[in-house]
N, C-alpha and C. Protein backbone atom coordinates (compact mmCIF):
# COMPACT_ATOMS: atom_id res chain seq x y z
N MET A 1 0.86 -1.18 0.00
CA MET A 1 0.00 0.00 0.00
C MET A 1 0.90 1.24 0.00
N THR A 2 0.64 2.15 -0.89
CA THR A 2 1.48 3.34 -0.98
C THR A 2 1.11 4.34 0.10
N LYS A 3 2.04 5.28 0.33
CA LYS A 3 1.80 6.33 1.33
C LYS A 3 0.58 7.16 0.95
N THR A 4 0.44 7.45 -0.33
CA THR A 4 -0.68 8.26 -0.79
C THR A 4 -2.00 7.56 -0.50
N ARG A 5 -2.06 6.26 -0.74
CA ARG A 5 -3.29 5.51 -0.50
C ARG A 5 -3.63 5.47 1.00
N ARG A 6 -2.60 5.24 1.84
CA ARG A 6 -2.83 5.23 3.28
C ARG A 6 -3.33 6.59 3.75
N TYR A 7 -2.71 7.66 3.22
CA TYR A 7 -3.14 9.00 3.58
C TYR A 7 -4.59 9.24 3.17
N THR A 8 -4.95 8.80 1.97
CA THR A 8 -6.31 8.98 1.46
C THR A 8 -7.31 8.22 2.34
N GLN A 9 -6.97 7.01 2.73
CA GLN A 9 -7.87 6.23 3.59
C GLN A 9 -8.03 6.89 4.96
N ARG A 10 -6.92 7.38 5.53
CA ARG A 10 -7.02 8.06 6.83
C ARG A 10 -7.85 9.33 6.71
N LYS A 11 -7.66 10.05 5.61
CA LYS A 11 -8.42 11.29 5.38
C LYS A 11 -9.91 10.98 5.26
N ARG A 12 -10.27 9.95 4.53
CA ARG A 12 -11.68 9.55 4.39
C ARG A 12 -12.27 9.17 5.75
N ALA A 13 -11.51 8.40 6.52
CA ALA A 13 -11.99 8.00 7.85
C ALA A 13 -12.19 9.22 8.73
N ALA A 14 -11.27 10.16 8.68
CA ALA A 14 -11.40 11.39 9.48
C ALA A 14 -12.60 12.20 9.01
N ASP A 15 -12.81 12.27 7.70
CA ASP A 15 -13.97 13.00 7.16
C ASP A 15 -15.28 12.33 7.59
N ARG A 16 -15.31 10.99 7.56
CA ARG A 16 -16.52 10.27 8.01
C ARG A 16 -16.81 10.57 9.48
N GLU A 17 -15.76 10.53 10.29
CA GLU A 17 -15.94 10.78 11.73
C GLU A 17 -16.39 12.23 11.98
N GLU A 18 -15.84 13.15 11.22
CA GLU A 18 -16.23 14.56 11.36
C GLU A 18 -17.69 14.76 10.95
N THR A 19 -18.11 14.10 9.89
CA THR A 19 -19.51 14.18 9.44
C THR A 19 -20.43 13.56 10.49
N ARG A 20 -20.04 12.42 11.03
CA ARG A 20 -20.84 11.76 12.07
C ARG A 20 -21.01 12.68 13.27
N LEU A 21 -19.93 13.32 13.70
CA LEU A 21 -20.00 14.22 14.84
C LEU A 21 -20.90 15.42 14.54
N ARG A 22 -20.83 15.96 13.32
CA ARG A 22 -21.71 17.07 12.94
C ARG A 22 -23.17 16.66 13.04
N ILE A 23 -23.48 15.44 12.61
CA ILE A 23 -24.86 14.93 12.67
C ILE A 23 -25.31 14.80 14.13
N VAL A 24 -24.46 14.22 14.96
CA VAL A 24 -24.79 14.05 16.38
C VAL A 24 -24.99 15.40 17.05
N GLU A 25 -24.11 16.34 16.79
CA GLU A 25 -24.24 17.66 17.41
C GLU A 25 -25.45 18.42 16.88
N ALA A 26 -25.79 18.21 15.62
CA ALA A 26 -27.01 18.82 15.08
C ALA A 26 -28.24 18.26 15.79
N ALA A 27 -28.28 16.95 15.98
CA ALA A 27 -29.40 16.32 16.69
C ALA A 27 -29.47 16.84 18.12
N MET A 28 -28.33 16.93 18.78
CA MET A 28 -28.28 17.39 20.16
C MET A 28 -28.80 18.83 20.26
N THR A 29 -28.39 19.68 19.36
CA THR A 29 -28.84 21.08 19.38
C THR A 29 -30.34 21.17 19.14
N LEU A 30 -30.84 20.40 18.18
CA LEU A 30 -32.28 20.41 17.90
C LEU A 30 -33.09 19.86 19.07
N HIS A 31 -32.59 18.81 19.72
CA HIS A 31 -33.29 18.27 20.88
C HIS A 31 -33.42 19.34 21.96
N GLU A 32 -32.37 20.12 22.12
CA GLU A 32 -32.38 21.17 23.13
C GLU A 32 -33.29 22.34 22.72
N GLU A 33 -33.25 22.70 21.46
CA GLU A 33 -34.02 23.86 20.98
C GLU A 33 -35.50 23.58 20.81
N ILE A 34 -35.83 22.46 20.16
CA ILE A 34 -37.25 22.21 19.85
C ILE A 34 -37.80 20.94 20.48
N GLY A 35 -36.93 20.13 21.06
CA GLY A 35 -37.36 18.90 21.71
C GLY A 35 -37.21 17.69 20.82
N PRO A 36 -37.04 16.53 21.43
CA PRO A 36 -36.85 15.30 20.66
C PRO A 36 -38.01 14.95 19.73
N SER A 37 -39.25 15.19 20.16
CA SER A 37 -40.38 14.76 19.33
C SER A 37 -40.52 15.56 18.05
N ASP A 38 -40.00 16.78 18.04
CA ASP A 38 -40.08 17.61 16.84
C ASP A 38 -38.81 17.56 15.99
N THR A 39 -37.84 16.79 16.43
CA THR A 39 -36.58 16.68 15.69
C THR A 39 -36.71 15.56 14.66
N THR A 40 -36.67 15.93 13.40
CA THR A 40 -36.77 14.95 12.32
C THR A 40 -35.40 14.69 11.71
N ILE A 41 -35.29 13.59 10.99
CA ILE A 41 -34.05 13.29 10.29
C ILE A 41 -33.75 14.38 9.27
N SER A 42 -34.78 14.90 8.62
CA SER A 42 -34.58 16.00 7.65
C SER A 42 -34.01 17.23 8.33
N ALA A 43 -34.54 17.56 9.51
CA ALA A 43 -34.04 18.74 10.24
C ALA A 43 -32.60 18.53 10.69
N ILE A 44 -32.29 17.31 11.14
CA ILE A 44 -30.91 17.00 11.54
C ILE A 44 -29.98 17.16 10.35
N ALA A 45 -30.38 16.60 9.20
CA ALA A 45 -29.55 16.69 7.99
C ALA A 45 -29.33 18.15 7.60
N GLN A 46 -30.40 18.93 7.62
CA GLN A 46 -30.28 20.34 7.25
C GLN A 46 -29.34 21.07 8.20
N ARG A 47 -29.50 20.85 9.51
CA ARG A 47 -28.65 21.53 10.50
C ARG A 47 -27.19 21.10 10.36
N ALA A 48 -26.96 19.83 10.03
CA ALA A 48 -25.60 19.32 9.89
C ALA A 48 -24.98 19.66 8.54
N GLY A 49 -25.81 20.15 7.61
CA GLY A 49 -25.30 20.49 6.28
C GLY A 49 -25.02 19.27 5.42
N VAL A 50 -25.85 18.22 5.59
CA VAL A 50 -25.69 16.99 4.81
C VAL A 50 -27.05 16.58 4.25
N GLN A 51 -27.05 15.57 3.42
CA GLN A 51 -28.28 15.02 2.88
C GLN A 51 -28.87 14.00 3.87
N ARG A 52 -30.17 13.76 3.77
CA ARG A 52 -30.82 12.75 4.63
C ARG A 52 -30.13 11.39 4.48
N LEU A 53 -29.78 11.04 3.27
CA LEU A 53 -29.13 9.76 3.01
C LEU A 53 -27.81 9.65 3.79
N THR A 54 -27.12 10.76 3.93
CA THR A 54 -25.87 10.76 4.69
C THR A 54 -26.13 10.44 6.16
N VAL A 55 -27.21 10.99 6.70
CA VAL A 55 -27.58 10.67 8.09
C VAL A 55 -27.81 9.17 8.21
N TYR A 56 -28.56 8.60 7.26
CA TYR A 56 -28.87 7.16 7.32
C TYR A 56 -27.64 6.29 7.05
N ARG A 57 -26.64 6.82 6.36
CA ARG A 57 -25.40 6.05 6.17
C ARG A 57 -24.67 5.89 7.51
N HIS A 58 -24.78 6.88 8.34
CA HIS A 58 -24.11 6.86 9.64
C HIS A 58 -24.96 6.21 10.73
N PHE A 59 -26.27 6.36 10.61
CA PHE A 59 -27.20 5.86 11.63
C PHE A 59 -28.38 5.19 10.94
N PRO A 60 -28.59 3.90 11.18
CA PRO A 60 -29.63 3.17 10.45
C PRO A 60 -31.05 3.62 10.76
N ASP A 61 -31.26 4.21 11.95
CA ASP A 61 -32.61 4.63 12.30
C ASP A 61 -32.55 5.73 13.36
N GLU A 62 -33.72 6.23 13.72
CA GLU A 62 -33.83 7.33 14.68
C GLU A 62 -33.26 6.93 16.05
N THR A 63 -33.47 5.69 16.45
CA THR A 63 -32.96 5.22 17.75
C THR A 63 -31.45 5.32 17.80
N ALA A 64 -30.77 4.95 16.74
CA ALA A 64 -29.31 5.03 16.70
C ALA A 64 -28.84 6.47 16.81
N VAL A 65 -29.54 7.39 16.15
CA VAL A 65 -29.20 8.81 16.25
C VAL A 65 -29.38 9.28 17.69
N PHE A 66 -30.49 8.92 18.31
CA PHE A 66 -30.78 9.34 19.68
C PHE A 66 -29.76 8.77 20.65
N GLU A 67 -29.38 7.50 20.46
CA GLU A 67 -28.39 6.89 21.34
C GLU A 67 -27.05 7.61 21.24
N ALA A 68 -26.63 7.92 20.03
CA ALA A 68 -25.36 8.63 19.84
C ALA A 68 -25.45 10.04 20.42
N CYS A 69 -26.59 10.69 20.22
CA CYS A 69 -26.80 12.04 20.74
C CYS A 69 -26.74 12.03 22.27
N THR A 70 -27.44 11.09 22.89
CA THR A 70 -27.47 10.99 24.35
C THR A 70 -26.08 10.74 24.90
N SER A 71 -25.37 9.81 24.30
CA SER A 71 -24.03 9.49 24.75
C SER A 71 -23.11 10.70 24.65
N HIS A 72 -23.16 11.41 23.54
CA HIS A 72 -22.33 12.59 23.34
C HIS A 72 -22.71 13.69 24.33
N TRP A 73 -24.01 13.91 24.51
CA TRP A 73 -24.46 14.96 25.43
C TRP A 73 -24.02 14.67 26.86
N LEU A 74 -24.11 13.41 27.27
CA LEU A 74 -23.70 13.05 28.63
C LEU A 74 -22.19 13.15 28.81
N GLU A 75 -21.43 12.94 27.75
CA GLU A 75 -19.98 13.17 27.83
C GLU A 75 -19.69 14.64 28.07
N LEU A 76 -20.45 15.50 27.41
CA LEU A 76 -20.27 16.95 27.57
C LEU A 76 -20.89 17.48 28.86
N ASN A 77 -21.90 16.79 29.38
CA ASN A 77 -22.66 17.22 30.56
C ASN A 77 -22.82 16.08 31.54
N PRO A 78 -21.72 15.59 32.12
CA PRO A 78 -21.85 14.45 33.03
C PRO A 78 -22.60 14.84 34.30
N PRO A 79 -23.48 13.96 34.78
CA PRO A 79 -24.20 14.27 36.02
C PRO A 79 -23.25 14.26 37.22
N PRO A 80 -23.66 14.88 38.30
CA PRO A 80 -22.82 14.88 39.51
C PRO A 80 -22.51 13.45 39.97
N VAL A 81 -21.34 13.30 40.56
CA VAL A 81 -20.91 12.00 41.08
C VAL A 81 -20.69 12.11 42.59
N PRO A 82 -20.73 10.98 43.28
CA PRO A 82 -20.64 10.99 44.74
C PRO A 82 -19.45 11.71 45.34
N THR A 83 -18.35 11.84 44.61
CA THR A 83 -17.20 12.55 45.19
C THR A 83 -17.55 13.99 45.56
N ALA A 84 -18.62 14.52 44.96
CA ALA A 84 -19.04 15.90 45.27
C ALA A 84 -19.61 16.03 46.67
N TRP A 85 -20.04 14.91 47.28
CA TRP A 85 -20.64 15.00 48.61
C TRP A 85 -20.11 13.95 49.60
N GLU A 86 -19.37 12.98 49.15
CA GLU A 86 -18.89 11.93 50.05
C GLU A 86 -17.96 12.45 51.14
N ALA A 87 -17.20 13.48 50.85
CA ALA A 87 -16.24 13.99 51.82
C ALA A 87 -16.90 14.81 52.93
N CYS A 88 -18.17 15.14 52.78
CA CYS A 88 -18.86 15.92 53.80
C CYS A 88 -18.98 15.09 55.08
N GLU A 89 -18.83 15.76 56.20
CA GLU A 89 -18.78 15.03 57.48
C GLU A 89 -20.14 14.63 58.02
N GLY A 90 -21.05 15.56 58.15
CA GLY A 90 -22.34 15.25 58.75
C GLY A 90 -23.40 14.90 57.73
N ASP A 91 -24.47 14.29 58.20
CA ASP A 91 -25.58 13.91 57.32
C ASP A 91 -26.16 15.12 56.59
N ASP A 92 -26.43 16.20 57.34
CA ASP A 92 -27.04 17.38 56.73
C ASP A 92 -26.14 17.97 55.66
N GLU A 93 -24.84 18.04 55.93
CA GLU A 93 -23.90 18.59 54.94
C GLU A 93 -23.85 17.72 53.69
N ARG A 94 -23.88 16.40 53.88
CA ARG A 94 -23.84 15.47 52.74
C ARG A 94 -25.10 15.60 51.88
N VAL A 95 -26.24 15.63 52.53
CA VAL A 95 -27.51 15.75 51.80
C VAL A 95 -27.55 17.08 51.06
N TYR A 96 -27.21 18.16 51.73
CA TYR A 96 -27.24 19.48 51.11
C TYR A 96 -26.27 19.55 49.92
N ALA A 97 -25.06 19.01 50.09
CA ALA A 97 -24.07 19.05 49.01
C ALA A 97 -24.55 18.27 47.79
N ALA A 98 -25.17 17.11 48.02
CA ALA A 98 -25.68 16.31 46.89
C ALA A 98 -26.81 17.04 46.18
N LEU A 99 -27.75 17.56 46.95
CA LEU A 99 -28.87 18.30 46.35
C LEU A 99 -28.37 19.50 45.57
N LEU A 100 -27.46 20.26 46.16
CA LEU A 100 -26.96 21.45 45.48
C LEU A 100 -26.21 21.08 44.20
N ALA A 101 -25.44 19.98 44.24
CA ALA A 101 -24.73 19.54 43.03
C ALA A 101 -25.71 19.23 41.91
N PHE A 102 -26.79 18.51 42.22
CA PHE A 102 -27.78 18.19 41.19
C PHE A 102 -28.55 19.43 40.75
N TYR A 103 -28.89 20.31 41.67
CA TYR A 103 -29.65 21.50 41.30
C TYR A 103 -28.84 22.42 40.41
N ARG A 104 -27.55 22.54 40.68
CA ARG A 104 -26.69 23.35 39.79
C ARG A 104 -26.54 22.68 38.43
N TYR A 105 -26.47 21.36 38.43
CA TYR A 105 -26.41 20.61 37.18
C TYR A 105 -27.68 20.85 36.35
N TYR A 106 -28.82 20.76 36.99
CA TYR A 106 -30.08 20.99 36.28
C TYR A 106 -30.17 22.42 35.75
N ARG A 107 -29.67 23.39 36.51
CA ARG A 107 -29.71 24.78 36.05
C ARG A 107 -28.96 24.90 34.73
N GLY A 108 -27.79 24.28 34.66
CA GLY A 108 -26.98 24.38 33.45
C GLY A 108 -27.47 23.55 32.28
N THR A 109 -28.34 22.58 32.54
CA THR A 109 -28.77 21.65 31.49
C THR A 109 -30.29 21.60 31.35
N GLN A 110 -30.97 22.57 31.91
CA GLN A 110 -32.43 22.50 32.01
C GLN A 110 -33.15 22.41 30.66
N ARG A 111 -32.65 23.05 29.63
CA ARG A 111 -33.36 23.00 28.34
C ARG A 111 -33.45 21.57 27.82
N MET A 112 -32.37 20.82 27.95
CA MET A 112 -32.39 19.44 27.46
C MET A 112 -33.32 18.59 28.32
N TRP A 113 -33.25 18.76 29.64
CA TRP A 113 -34.10 17.97 30.52
C TRP A 113 -35.58 18.30 30.34
N GLN A 114 -35.91 19.56 30.11
CA GLN A 114 -37.31 19.94 29.90
C GLN A 114 -37.88 19.23 28.68
N GLY A 115 -37.14 19.28 27.59
CA GLY A 115 -37.59 18.61 26.36
C GLY A 115 -37.68 17.10 26.52
N ALA A 116 -36.69 16.53 27.19
CA ALA A 116 -36.68 15.08 27.37
C ALA A 116 -37.86 14.62 28.24
N HIS A 117 -38.12 15.34 29.32
CA HIS A 117 -39.25 14.95 30.18
C HIS A 117 -40.59 15.15 29.46
N ARG A 118 -40.70 16.24 28.73
CA ARG A 118 -41.95 16.52 28.02
C ARG A 118 -42.21 15.47 26.93
N ASP A 119 -41.16 15.08 26.21
CA ASP A 119 -41.32 14.23 25.04
C ASP A 119 -41.14 12.74 25.31
N GLU A 120 -40.71 12.38 26.49
CA GLU A 120 -40.44 10.96 26.78
C GLU A 120 -41.60 10.04 26.42
N PRO A 121 -42.85 10.37 26.78
CA PRO A 121 -43.94 9.45 26.43
C PRO A 121 -44.14 9.27 24.93
N LYS A 122 -43.73 10.28 24.13
CA LYS A 122 -43.97 10.24 22.68
C LYS A 122 -42.79 9.69 21.89
N VAL A 123 -41.60 9.60 22.51
CA VAL A 123 -40.39 9.23 21.77
C VAL A 123 -39.75 8.00 22.42
N PRO A 124 -40.05 6.82 21.91
CA PRO A 124 -39.50 5.60 22.51
C PRO A 124 -37.97 5.60 22.59
N ALA A 125 -37.31 6.27 21.66
CA ALA A 125 -35.84 6.25 21.63
C ALA A 125 -35.21 6.92 22.85
N ILE A 126 -35.94 7.80 23.55
CA ILE A 126 -35.34 8.42 24.74
C ILE A 126 -35.81 7.77 26.04
N GLN A 127 -36.72 6.83 25.94
CA GLN A 127 -37.24 6.21 27.16
C GLN A 127 -36.16 5.39 27.89
N GLY A 128 -35.32 4.72 27.16
CA GLY A 128 -34.24 3.95 27.78
C GLY A 128 -33.25 4.83 28.53
N PRO A 129 -32.69 5.86 27.87
CA PRO A 129 -31.77 6.75 28.58
C PRO A 129 -32.42 7.45 29.77
N MET A 130 -33.68 7.82 29.66
CA MET A 130 -34.35 8.47 30.79
C MET A 130 -34.51 7.48 31.95
N ALA A 131 -34.83 6.23 31.65
CA ALA A 131 -34.95 5.20 32.70
C ALA A 131 -33.59 4.98 33.37
N GLU A 132 -32.52 5.00 32.58
CA GLU A 132 -31.18 4.84 33.15
C GLU A 132 -30.83 5.99 34.08
N PHE A 133 -31.19 7.21 33.70
CA PHE A 133 -30.90 8.35 34.57
C PHE A 133 -31.72 8.27 35.85
N ARG A 134 -32.98 7.89 35.74
CA ARG A 134 -33.81 7.74 36.94
C ARG A 134 -33.23 6.66 37.86
N ALA A 135 -32.71 5.58 37.28
CA ALA A 135 -32.09 4.53 38.08
C ALA A 135 -30.85 5.06 38.79
N TYR A 136 -30.09 5.90 38.10
CA TYR A 136 -28.92 6.53 38.72
C TYR A 136 -29.35 7.38 39.91
N LEU A 137 -30.38 8.21 39.74
CA LEU A 137 -30.88 9.04 40.83
C LEU A 137 -31.40 8.19 41.98
N HIS A 138 -32.07 7.10 41.63
CA HIS A 138 -32.59 6.17 42.64
C HIS A 138 -31.43 5.64 43.49
N GLY A 139 -30.35 5.24 42.81
CA GLY A 139 -29.17 4.72 43.50
C GLY A 139 -28.50 5.76 44.38
N VAL A 140 -28.41 6.99 43.87
CA VAL A 140 -27.83 8.08 44.67
C VAL A 140 -28.67 8.30 45.93
N GLY A 141 -29.99 8.35 45.77
CA GLY A 141 -30.87 8.53 46.92
C GLY A 141 -30.73 7.42 47.94
N GLU A 142 -30.61 6.18 47.44
CA GLU A 142 -30.43 5.04 48.35
C GLU A 142 -29.12 5.13 49.11
N GLU A 143 -28.04 5.43 48.39
CA GLU A 143 -26.72 5.50 49.03
C GLU A 143 -26.66 6.60 50.09
N ILE A 144 -27.17 7.77 49.75
CA ILE A 144 -27.16 8.85 50.74
C ILE A 144 -28.07 8.49 51.91
N GLY A 145 -29.22 7.91 51.61
CA GLY A 145 -30.14 7.51 52.67
C GLY A 145 -29.52 6.51 53.63
N LYS A 146 -28.78 5.52 53.09
CA LYS A 146 -28.13 4.52 53.93
C LYS A 146 -27.05 5.14 54.81
N SER A 147 -26.40 6.19 54.28
CA SER A 147 -25.29 6.79 55.04
C SER A 147 -25.78 7.72 56.15
N CYS A 148 -27.04 8.08 56.12
CA CYS A 148 -27.59 8.98 57.14
C CYS A 148 -27.96 8.21 58.40
N ALA A 149 -28.01 8.92 59.51
CA ALA A 149 -28.33 8.31 60.81
C ALA A 149 -29.67 7.58 60.76
N ALA A 150 -30.64 8.14 60.06
CA ALA A 150 -31.97 7.53 59.97
C ALA A 150 -32.05 6.60 58.75
N GLY A 151 -30.92 5.99 58.40
CA GLY A 151 -30.81 5.18 57.19
C GLY A 151 -31.78 4.03 57.08
N GLY A 152 -32.35 3.56 58.19
CA GLY A 152 -33.30 2.46 58.12
C GLY A 152 -34.71 2.89 57.74
N ASP A 153 -34.92 4.19 57.63
CA ASP A 153 -36.25 4.73 57.33
C ASP A 153 -36.43 4.84 55.81
N SER A 154 -37.31 4.01 55.25
CA SER A 154 -37.50 4.04 53.79
C SER A 154 -38.05 5.38 53.32
N ARG A 155 -38.73 6.09 54.21
CA ARG A 155 -39.25 7.42 53.83
C ARG A 155 -38.11 8.38 53.50
N LEU A 156 -36.97 8.20 54.16
CA LEU A 156 -35.80 9.05 53.91
C LEU A 156 -35.31 8.85 52.48
N THR A 157 -35.17 7.59 52.07
CA THR A 157 -34.71 7.30 50.71
C THR A 157 -35.70 7.83 49.68
N ILE A 158 -36.99 7.61 49.91
CA ILE A 158 -38.01 8.09 48.98
C ILE A 158 -37.98 9.61 48.88
N THR A 159 -37.84 10.29 50.01
CA THR A 159 -37.78 11.76 50.02
C THR A 159 -36.55 12.24 49.26
N LEU A 160 -35.40 11.60 49.48
CA LEU A 160 -34.18 11.97 48.77
C LEU A 160 -34.33 11.75 47.26
N GLN A 161 -34.91 10.62 46.88
CA GLN A 161 -35.09 10.34 45.46
C GLN A 161 -36.00 11.38 44.81
N HIS A 162 -37.04 11.76 45.52
CA HIS A 162 -37.95 12.80 45.00
C HIS A 162 -37.22 14.14 44.92
N ALA A 163 -36.46 14.47 45.93
CA ALA A 163 -35.76 15.76 45.97
C ALA A 163 -34.70 15.85 44.88
N LEU A 164 -34.10 14.73 44.49
CA LEU A 164 -33.04 14.72 43.48
C LEU A 164 -33.57 14.80 42.04
N ALA A 165 -34.84 14.62 41.84
CA ALA A 165 -35.41 14.57 40.48
C ALA A 165 -35.43 15.95 39.82
N PHE A 166 -35.23 15.95 38.51
CA PHE A 166 -35.32 17.20 37.74
C PHE A 166 -36.68 17.85 37.91
N THR A 167 -37.74 17.04 37.92
CA THR A 167 -39.09 17.60 38.02
C THR A 167 -39.29 18.34 39.34
N THR A 168 -38.64 17.88 40.41
CA THR A 168 -38.71 18.60 41.68
C THR A 168 -37.99 19.92 41.55
N TRP A 169 -36.78 19.87 40.96
CA TRP A 169 -36.02 21.11 40.74
C TRP A 169 -36.86 22.10 39.92
N ALA A 170 -37.48 21.62 38.84
CA ALA A 170 -38.26 22.49 37.96
C ALA A 170 -39.46 23.08 38.68
N SER A 171 -40.10 22.30 39.52
CA SER A 171 -41.24 22.80 40.29
C SER A 171 -40.81 23.91 41.24
N LEU A 172 -39.71 23.70 41.94
CA LEU A 172 -39.19 24.72 42.86
C LEU A 172 -38.67 25.94 42.08
N GLU A 173 -38.14 25.70 40.91
CA GLU A 173 -37.68 26.80 40.05
C GLU A 173 -38.85 27.69 39.66
N SER A 174 -40.00 27.08 39.37
CA SER A 174 -41.18 27.87 38.97
C SER A 174 -41.70 28.74 40.11
N LEU A 175 -41.30 28.41 41.33
CA LEU A 175 -41.69 29.21 42.50
C LEU A 175 -40.70 30.33 42.79
N GLY A 176 -39.65 30.42 41.98
CA GLY A 176 -38.71 31.52 42.12
C GLY A 176 -37.57 31.28 43.09
N LEU A 177 -37.37 30.04 43.54
CA LEU A 177 -36.28 29.76 44.48
C LEU A 177 -34.96 29.60 43.74
N ASP A 178 -33.87 30.11 44.33
CA ASP A 178 -32.56 29.84 43.74
C ASP A 178 -32.11 28.44 44.19
N ASP A 179 -31.01 27.97 43.64
CA ASP A 179 -30.60 26.59 43.90
C ASP A 179 -30.27 26.34 45.36
N GLU A 180 -29.66 27.31 46.01
CA GLU A 180 -29.33 27.15 47.43
C GLU A 180 -30.61 27.04 48.26
N ALA A 181 -31.60 27.87 47.95
CA ALA A 181 -32.87 27.82 48.69
C ALA A 181 -33.61 26.51 48.41
N LYS A 182 -33.53 26.02 47.18
CA LYS A 182 -34.15 24.72 46.85
C LYS A 182 -33.51 23.62 47.69
N ALA A 183 -32.17 23.61 47.73
CA ALA A 183 -31.46 22.57 48.47
C ALA A 183 -31.76 22.66 49.97
N ALA A 184 -31.84 23.88 50.48
CA ALA A 184 -32.15 24.06 51.91
C ALA A 184 -33.56 23.57 52.23
N LEU A 185 -34.50 23.84 51.33
CA LEU A 185 -35.88 23.38 51.55
C LEU A 185 -35.95 21.85 51.52
N ALA A 186 -35.31 21.24 50.54
CA ALA A 186 -35.31 19.78 50.45
C ALA A 186 -34.60 19.17 51.65
N LEU A 187 -33.55 19.81 52.13
CA LEU A 187 -32.87 19.33 53.33
C LEU A 187 -33.83 19.38 54.53
N ALA A 188 -34.64 20.41 54.61
CA ALA A 188 -35.61 20.52 55.69
C ALA A 188 -36.60 19.36 55.63
N TRP A 189 -36.97 18.91 54.43
CA TRP A 189 -37.86 17.75 54.31
C TRP A 189 -37.22 16.53 54.97
N VAL A 190 -35.92 16.34 54.65
CA VAL A 190 -35.18 15.20 55.20
C VAL A 190 -35.06 15.33 56.71
N GLN A 191 -34.72 16.53 57.18
CA GLN A 191 -34.58 16.74 58.62
C GLN A 191 -35.90 16.48 59.35
N GLY A 192 -37.01 16.80 58.72
CA GLY A 192 -38.32 16.57 59.32
C GLY A 192 -38.59 15.10 59.56
N LEU A 193 -38.00 14.23 58.74
CA LEU A 193 -38.18 12.79 58.92
C LEU A 193 -37.36 12.27 60.10
N GLU A 194 -36.30 12.97 60.43
CA GLU A 194 -35.39 12.50 61.49
C GLU A 194 -35.90 12.83 62.87
N ARG A 195 -36.96 13.63 62.95
CA ARG A 195 -37.48 14.01 64.26
C ARG A 195 -38.39 12.96 64.83
């Protein structure tokens, strides 16, 4: 194989990968702007500056596009991880730190979450990723609940899981609370269970 041929093959592969990324980023932007249910393959192609056939060459169906979009978006916007609150000494500090980490995360990513929650019933392709995120939140709530003094109280875990949800954040946001006030209020819910 000549150097020119190897260079040409590498260039083609790089061009394919660049086109694929443009398609994924176009889908991601449209999901954020207009929501997953209104994002069509034609709109993705137009936003990416390619033909519809090019989208289908890279992704066999809408589910594949959504999976790639979700994966890319989560790489760019990873959810909070336990290291953000594990080092906190007391139960109240740990709960508050976890809530505040998620509430700040939701503030920065709210447009995508609003569209995803609104469109989840209508778009089967996002139901799996949404279920995975809810399972992650469920696990976080369980872990924090177990680490608290009242860890044997299932109401504590349920309250934490509810407090960690985007829909809870959005509801408190609609009431005009900032993230610190939201976290303090949710912490008060937890503290009320410990009495």
